[in-house]
Amino acid sequence: MTKSAAPKRHLPTSPFKAPVTQAPKHFAVGDRVTHDVYGLGRVVGIEDGIAALVDFGSAQTRILSPYAKMTKL
């Protein structure tokens, strides 16, 4: 059995609150970031909301949007 990638829709008659959608994260060149897998790094390039090129010291890695595991310091 496979799971669908589509989010469940919220019915207006539901007694539960609608899920809050978070705004996409925006990074700029030079931002210091931390990544759950790679650690501390600095953004060295941006690809128009598609990906960010981050220098983690030992390697440069292209991190794809929505940047779930990366936060700005």
PDB file of N, CA and C in Angstrom:
ATOM      1  N   MET A   1       0.831  -1.173   0.000  1.00  0.00           N
ATOM      2  CA  MET A   1       0.000   0.000   0.000  1.00  0.00           C
ATOM      3  C   MET A   1       0.879   1.241   0.000  1.00  0.00           C
ATOM      4  N   THR A   2       0.597   2.194  -0.854  1.00  0.00           N
ATOM      5  CA  THR A   2       1.392   3.411  -0.910  1.00  0.00           C
ATOM      6  C   THR A   2       0.590   4.592  -0.399  1.00  0.00           C
ATOM      7  N   LYS A   3       1.301   5.584   0.117  1.00  0.00           N
ATOM      8  CA  LYS A   3       0.642   6.781   0.619  1.00  0.00           C
ATOM      9  C   LYS A   3       0.628   7.844  -0.459  1.00  0.00           C
ATOM     10  N   SER A   4      -0.428   8.609  -0.484  1.00  0.00           N
ATOM     11  CA  SER A   4      -0.566   9.685  -1.449  1.00  0.00           C
ATOM     12  C   SER A   4       0.242  10.893  -0.997  1.00  0.00           C
ATOM     13  N   ALA A   5       0.835  11.585  -1.938  1.00  0.00           N
ATOM     14  CA  ALA A   5       1.621  12.770  -1.612  1.00  0.00           C
ATOM     15  C   ALA A   5       0.740  14.005  -1.459  1.00  0.00           C
ATOM     16  N   ALA A   6      -0.493  13.932  -1.894  1.00  0.00           N
ATOM     17  CA  ALA A   6      -1.398  15.073  -1.817  1.00  0.00           C
ATOM     18  C   ALA A   6      -1.846  15.289  -0.373  1.00  0.00           C
ATOM     19  N   PRO A   7      -1.870  16.547   0.073  1.00  0.00           N
ATOM     20  CA  PRO A   7      -2.320  16.816   1.442  1.00  0.00           C
ATOM     21  C   PRO A   7      -3.831  16.621   1.565  1.00  0.00           C
ATOM     22  N   LYS A   8      -4.260  16.280   2.759  1.00  0.00           N
ATOM     23  CA  LYS A   8      -5.685  16.120   3.000  1.00  0.00           C
ATOM     24  C   LYS A   8      -6.332  17.503   3.019  1.00  0.00           C
ATOM     25  N   ARG A   9      -7.504  17.592   2.419  1.00  0.00           N
ATOM     26  CA  ARG A   9      -8.165  18.889   2.401  1.00  0.00           C
ATOM     27  C   ARG A   9      -8.956  19.080   3.684  1.00  0.00           C
ATOM     28  N   HIS A  10      -9.117  20.337   4.068  1.00  0.00           N
ATOM     29  CA  HIS A  10      -9.832  20.692   5.277  1.00  0.00           C
ATOM     30  C   HIS A  10     -11.267  21.036   4.916  1.00  0.00           C
ATOM     31  N   LEU A  11     -12.222  20.393   5.562  1.00  0.00           N
ATOM     32  CA  LEU A  11     -13.627  20.677   5.306  1.00  0.00           C
ATOM     33  C   LEU A  11     -14.078  21.879   6.125  1.00  0.00           C
ATOM     34  N   PRO A  12     -14.840  22.788   5.548  1.00  0.00           N
ATOM     35  CA  PRO A  12     -15.289  23.975   6.288  1.00  0.00           C
ATOM     36  C   PRO A  12     -16.184  23.630   7.479  1.00  0.00           C
ATOM     37  N   THR A  13     -16.819  22.466   7.469  1.00  0.00           N
ATOM     38  CA  THR A  13     -17.691  22.080   8.577  1.00  0.00           C
ATOM     39  C   THR A  13     -16.956  21.311   9.662  1.00  0.00           C
ATOM     40  N   SER A  14     -15.672  21.119   9.515  1.00  0.00           N
ATOM     41  CA  SER A  14     -14.886  20.362  10.477  1.00  0.00           C
ATOM     42  C   SER A  14     -14.756  21.131  11.789  1.00  0.00           C
ATOM     43  N   PRO A  15     -14.853  20.438  12.938  1.00  0.00           N
ATOM     44  CA  PRO A  15     -14.681  21.114  14.231  1.00  0.00           C
ATOM     45  C   PRO A  15     -13.208  21.394  14.549  1.00  0.00           C
ATOM     46  N   PHE A  16     -12.317  20.872  13.739  1.00  0.00           N
ATOM     47  CA  PHE A  16     -10.890  21.063  13.982  1.00  0.00           C
ATOM     48  C   PHE A  16     -10.372  22.249  13.184  1.00  0.00           C
ATOM     49  N   LYS A  17      -9.327  22.877  13.677  1.00  0.00           N
ATOM     50  CA  LYS A  17      -8.735  24.023  12.991  1.00  0.00           C
ATOM     51  C   LYS A  17      -8.012  23.561  11.730  1.00  0.00           C
ATOM     52  N   ALA A  18      -7.990  24.440  10.753  1.00  0.00           N
ATOM     53  CA  ALA A  18      -7.269  24.151   9.516  1.00  0.00           C
ATOM     54  C   ALA A  18      -5.773  24.150   9.809  1.00  0.00           C
ATOM     55  N   PRO A  19      -5.004  23.265   9.172  1.00  0.00           N
ATOM     56  CA  PRO A  19      -3.555  23.254   9.410  1.00  0.00           C
ATOM     57  C   PRO A  19      -2.917  24.555   8.913  1.00  0.00           C
ATOM     58  N   VAL A  20      -1.953  25.025   9.664  1.00  0.00           N
ATOM     59  CA  VAL A  20      -1.266  26.262   9.326  1.00  0.00           C
ATOM     60  C   VAL A  20      -0.157  25.951   8.330  1.00  0.00           C
ATOM     61  N   THR A  21      -0.151  26.657   7.219  1.00  0.00           N
ATOM     62  CA  THR A  21       0.925  26.477   6.246  1.00  0.00           C
ATOM     63  C   THR A  21       2.013  27.503   6.538  1.00  0.00           C
ATOM     64  N   GLN A  22       3.235  27.018   6.663  1.00  0.00           N
ATOM     65  CA  GLN A  22       4.346  27.905   6.977  1.00  0.00           C
ATOM     66  C   GLN A  22       4.836  28.585   5.708  1.00  0.00           C
ATOM     67  N   ALA A  23       5.268  29.831   5.864  1.00  0.00           N
ATOM     68  CA  ALA A  23       5.821  30.573   4.732  1.00  0.00           C
ATOM     69  C   ALA A  23       7.143  29.938   4.321  1.00  0.00           C
ATOM     70  N   PRO A  24       7.436  29.917   3.026  1.00  0.00           N
ATOM     71  CA  PRO A  24       8.711  29.340   2.596  1.00  0.00           C
ATOM     72  C   PRO A  24       9.885  30.155   3.131  1.00  0.00           C
ATOM     73  N   LYS A  25      10.968  29.460   3.435  1.00  0.00           N
ATOM     74  CA  LYS A  25      12.154  30.131   3.966  1.00  0.00           C
ATOM     75  C   LYS A  25      12.917  30.786   2.828  1.00  0.00           C
ATOM     76  N   HIS A  26      13.449  31.960   3.098  1.00  0.00           N
ATOM     77  CA  HIS A  26      14.245  32.683   2.111  1.00  0.00           C
ATOM     78  C   HIS A  26      15.650  32.881   2.662  1.00  0.00           C
ATOM     79  N   PHE A  27      16.622  32.557   1.850  1.00  0.00           N
ATOM     80  CA  PHE A  27      18.015  32.720   2.235  1.00  0.00           C
ATOM     81  C   PHE A  27      18.691  33.657   1.251  1.00  0.00           C
ATOM     82  N   ALA A  28      19.718  34.355   1.719  1.00  0.00           N
ATOM     83  CA  ALA A  28      20.491  35.254   0.875  1.00  0.00           C
ATOM     84  C   ALA A  28      21.951  34.825   0.911  1.00  0.00           C
ATOM     85  N   VAL A  29      22.693  35.220  -0.101  1.00  0.00           N
ATOM     86  CA  VAL A  29      24.114  34.897  -0.152  1.00  0.00           C
ATOM     87  C   VAL A  29      24.802  35.530   1.056  1.00  0.00           C
ATOM     88  N   GLY A  30      25.575  34.724   1.758  1.00  0.00           N
ATOM     89  CA  GLY A  30      26.290  35.198   2.940  1.00  0.00           C
ATOM     90  C   GLY A  30      25.627  34.819   4.248  1.00  0.00           C
ATOM     91  N   ASP A  31      24.403  34.307   4.218  1.00  0.00           N
ATOM     92  CA  ASP A  31      23.710  33.907   5.442  1.00  0.00           C
ATOM     93  C   ASP A  31      24.401  32.715   6.082  1.00  0.00           C
ATOM     94  N   ARG A  32      24.520  32.744   7.402  1.00  0.00           N
ATOM     95  CA  ARG A  32      25.016  31.592   8.150  1.00  0.00           C
ATOM     96  C   ARG A  32      23.832  30.679   8.420  1.00  0.00           C
ATOM     97  N   VAL A  33      24.000  29.386   8.176  1.00  0.00           N
ATOM     98  CA  VAL A  33      22.916  28.423   8.338  1.00  0.00           C
ATOM     99  C   VAL A  33      23.408  27.195   9.089  1.00  0.00           C
ATOM    100  N   THR A  34      22.460  26.435   9.599  1.00  0.00           N
ATOM    101  CA  THR A  34      22.757  25.136  10.173  1.00  0.00           C
ATOM    102  C   THR A  34      21.835  24.121   9.516  1.00  0.00           C
ATOM    103  N   HIS A  35      22.396  22.942   9.244  1.00  0.00           N
ATOM    104  CA  HIS A  35      21.646  21.873   8.581  1.00  0.00           C
ATOM    105  C   HIS A  35      21.687  20.651   9.485  1.00  0.00           C
ATOM    106  N   ASP A  36      20.579  19.920   9.563  1.00  0.00           N
ATOM    107  CA  ASP A  36      20.488  18.761  10.448  1.00  0.00           C
ATOM    108  C   ASP A  36      21.499  17.676  10.110  1.00  0.00           C
ATOM    109  N   VAL A  37      21.888  17.548   8.849  1.00  0.00           N
ATOM    110  CA  VAL A  37      22.815  16.491   8.438  1.00  0.00           C
ATOM    111  C   VAL A  37      24.245  17.026   8.312  1.00  0.00           C
ATOM    112  N   TYR A  38      24.421  18.186   7.651  1.00  0.00           N
ATOM    113  CA  TYR A  38      25.744  18.693   7.306  1.00  0.00           C
ATOM    114  C   TYR A  38      26.362  19.617   8.356  1.00  0.00           C
ATOM    115  N   GLY A  39      25.570  20.212   9.240  1.00  0.00           N
ATOM    116  CA  GLY A  39      26.097  21.085  10.282  1.00  0.00           C
ATOM    117  C   GLY A  39      26.076  22.547   9.882  1.00  0.00           C
ATOM    118  N   LEU A  40      27.084  23.313  10.358  1.00  0.00           N
ATOM    119  CA  LEU A  40      27.153  24.746  10.111  1.00  0.00           C
ATOM    120  C   LEU A  40      27.699  25.047   8.725  1.00  0.00           C
ATOM    121  N   GLY A  41      27.167  26.106   8.114  1.00  0.00           N
ATOM    122  CA  GLY A  41      27.634  26.481   6.796  1.00  0.00           C
ATOM    123  C   GLY A  41      27.259  27.903   6.457  1.00  0.00           C
ATOM    124  N   ARG A  42      27.671  28.332   5.252  1.00  0.00           N
ATOM    125  CA  ARG A  42      27.377  29.674   4.749  1.00  0.00           C
ATOM    126  C   ARG A  42      26.839  29.549   3.329  1.00  0.00           C
ATOM    127  N   VAL A  43      25.753  30.282   3.046  1.00  0.00           N
ATOM    128  CA  VAL A  43      25.147  30.266   1.719  1.00  0.00           C
ATOM    129  C   VAL A  43      26.068  31.011   0.755  1.00  0.00           C
ATOM    130  N   VAL A  44      26.453  30.347  -0.341  1.00  0.00           N
ATOM    131  CA  VAL A  44      27.339  30.960  -1.337  1.00  0.00           C
ATOM    132  C   VAL A  44      26.641  31.183  -2.671  1.00  0.00           C
ATOM    133  N   GLY A  45      25.424  30.655  -2.819  1.00  0.00           N
ATOM    134  CA  GLY A  45      24.688  30.848  -4.070  1.00  0.00           C
ATOM    135  C   GLY A  45      23.218  30.517  -3.894  1.00  0.00           C
ATOM    136  N   ILE A  46      22.373  31.203  -4.681  1.00  0.00           N
ATOM    137  CA  ILE A  46      20.929  30.978  -4.647  1.00  0.00           C
ATOM    138  C   ILE A  46      20.445  30.748  -6.068  1.00  0.00           C
ATOM    139  N   GLU A  47      19.530  29.795  -6.254  1.00  0.00           N
ATOM    140  CA  GLU A  47      18.932  29.515  -7.560  1.00  0.00           C
ATOM    141  C   GLU A  47      17.440  29.837  -7.527  1.00  0.00           C
ATOM    142  N   ASP A  48      17.076  31.102  -7.436  1.00  0.00           N
ATOM    143  CA  ASP A  48      15.697  31.604  -7.528  1.00  0.00           C
ATOM    144  C   ASP A  48      14.652  30.726  -6.858  1.00  0.00           C
ATOM    145  N   GLY A  49      14.802  30.446  -5.589  1.00  0.00           N
ATOM    146  CA  GLY A  49      13.813  29.681  -4.842  1.00  0.00           C
ATOM    147  C   GLY A  49      13.809  28.189  -5.104  1.00  0.00           C
ATOM    148  N   ILE A  50      14.706  27.711  -5.958  1.00  0.00           N
ATOM    149  CA  ILE A  50      14.764  26.285  -6.269  1.00  0.00           C
ATOM    150  C   ILE A  50      15.743  25.574  -5.343  1.00  0.00           C
ATOM    151  N   ALA A  51      16.908  26.185  -5.150  1.00  0.00           N
ATOM    152  CA  ALA A  51      17.945  25.553  -4.346  1.00  0.00           C
ATOM    153  C   ALA A  51      18.909  26.611  -3.818  1.00  0.00           C
ATOM    154  N   ALA A  52      19.690  26.214  -2.828  1.00  0.00           N
ATOM    155  CA  ALA A  52      20.731  27.069  -2.276  1.00  0.00           C
ATOM    156  C   ALA A  52      22.031  26.270  -2.268  1.00  0.00           C
ATOM    157  N   LEU A  53      23.119  26.903  -2.693  1.00  0.00           N
ATOM    158  CA  LEU A  53      24.437  26.288  -2.643  1.00  0.00           C
ATOM    159  C   LEU A  53      25.084  26.721  -1.334  1.00  0.00           C
ATOM    160  N   VAL A  54      25.408  25.744  -0.482  1.00  0.00           N
ATOM    161  CA  VAL A  54      25.906  26.033   0.852  1.00  0.00           C
ATOM    162  C   VAL A  54      27.288  25.429   1.026  1.00  0.00           C
ATOM    163  N   ASP A  55      28.218  26.241   1.556  1.00  0.00           N
ATOM    164  CA  ASP A  55      29.578  25.782   1.846  1.00  0.00           C
ATOM    165  C   ASP A  55      29.613  25.344   3.307  1.00  0.00           C
ATOM    166  N   PHE A  56      29.838  24.052   3.537  1.00  0.00           N
ATOM    167  CA  PHE A  56      29.896  23.505   4.889  1.00  0.00           C
ATOM    168  C   PHE A  56      31.334  23.290   5.352  1.00  0.00           C
ATOM    169  N   GLY A  57      32.278  23.921   4.700  1.00  0.00           N
ATOM    170  CA  GLY A  57      33.675  23.784   5.081  1.00  0.00           C
ATOM    171  C   GLY A  57      34.354  22.642   4.355  1.00  0.00           C
ATOM    172  N   SER A  58      33.902  21.433   4.565  1.00  0.00           N
ATOM    173  CA  SER A  58      34.513  20.281   3.915  1.00  0.00           C
ATOM    174  C   SER A  58      33.966  20.055   2.510  1.00  0.00           C
ATOM    175  N   ALA A  59      32.778  20.568   2.230  1.00  0.00           N
ATOM    176  CA  ALA A  59      32.161  20.373   0.915  1.00  0.00           C
ATOM    177  C   ALA A  59      31.089  21.425   0.668  1.00  0.00           C
ATOM    178  N   GLN A  60      30.842  21.712  -0.616  1.00  0.00           N
ATOM    179  CA  GLN A  60      29.731  22.569  -0.993  1.00  0.00           C
ATOM    180  C   GLN A  60      28.586  21.667  -1.429  1.00  0.00           C
ATOM    181  N   THR A  61      27.397  21.941  -0.908  1.00  0.00           N
ATOM    182  CA  THR A  61      26.242  21.095  -1.185  1.00  0.00           C
ATOM    183  C   THR A  61      25.087  21.944  -1.675  1.00  0.00           C
ATOM    184  N   ARG A  62      24.354  21.409  -2.637  1.00  0.00           N
ATOM    185  CA  ARG A  62      23.169  22.074  -3.174  1.00  0.00           C
ATOM    186  C   ARG A  62      21.969  21.554  -2.388  1.00  0.00           C
ATOM    187  N   ILE A  63      21.323  22.425  -1.625  1.00  0.00           N
ATOM    188  CA  ILE A  63      20.176  22.072  -0.802  1.00  0.00           C
ATOM    189  C   ILE A  63      18.917  22.542  -1.526  1.00  0.00           C
ATOM    190  N   LEU A  64      17.994  21.625  -1.787  1.00  0.00           N
ATOM    191  CA  LEU A  64      16.775  21.948  -2.522  1.00  0.00           C
ATOM    192  C   LEU A  64      15.712  22.559  -1.616  1.00  0.00           C
ATOM    193  N   SER A  65      14.879  23.415  -2.203  1.00  0.00           N
ATOM    194  CA  SER A  65      13.746  24.004  -1.504  1.00  0.00           C
ATOM    195  C   SER A  65      12.751  22.896  -1.203  1.00  0.00           C
ATOM    196  N   PRO A  66      12.078  22.850  -0.104  1.00  0.00           N
ATOM    197  CA  PRO A  66      11.693  23.888   0.846  1.00  0.00           C
ATOM    198  C   PRO A  66      12.624  24.005   2.050  1.00  0.00           C
ATOM    199  N   TYR A  67      13.814  23.509   1.991  1.00  0.00           N
ATOM    200  CA  TYR A  67      14.824  23.674   3.043  1.00  0.00           C
ATOM    201  C   TYR A  67      14.321  23.177   4.401  1.00  0.00           C
ATOM    202  N   ALA A  68      13.733  21.996   4.438  1.00  0.00           N
ATOM    203  CA  ALA A  68      13.113  21.468   5.656  1.00  0.00           C
ATOM    204  C   ALA A  68      14.122  21.279   6.791  1.00  0.00           C
ATOM    205  N   LYS A  69      15.345  20.894   6.465  1.00  0.00           N
ATOM    206  CA  LYS A  69      16.316  20.596   7.508  1.00  0.00           C
ATOM    207  C   LYS A  69      17.317  21.727   7.728  1.00  0.00           C
ATOM    208  N   MET A  70      17.097  22.892   7.118  1.00  0.00           N
ATOM    209  CA  MET A  70      18.053  23.989   7.204  1.00  0.00           C
ATOM    210  C   MET A  70      17.391  25.213   7.837  1.00  0.00           C
ATOM    211  N   THR A  71      18.100  25.836   8.780  1.00  0.00           N
ATOM    212  CA  THR A  71      17.600  27.041   9.413  1.00  0.00           C
ATOM    213  C   THR A  71      18.667  28.116   9.410  1.00  0.00           C
ATOM    214  N   LYS A  72      18.212  29.364   9.380  1.00  0.00           N
ATOM    215  CA  LYS A  72      19.120  30.520   9.377  1.00  0.00           C
ATOM    216  C   LYS A  72      19.549  30.826  10.804  1.00  0.00           C
ATOM    217  N   LEU A  73      20.807  31.154  10.987  1.00  0.00           N
ATOM    218  CA  LEU A  73      21.314  31.522  12.319  1.00  0.00           C
ATOM    219  C   LEU A  73      21.277  33.014  12.502  1.00  0.00           C
TER     220      LEU A  73
END
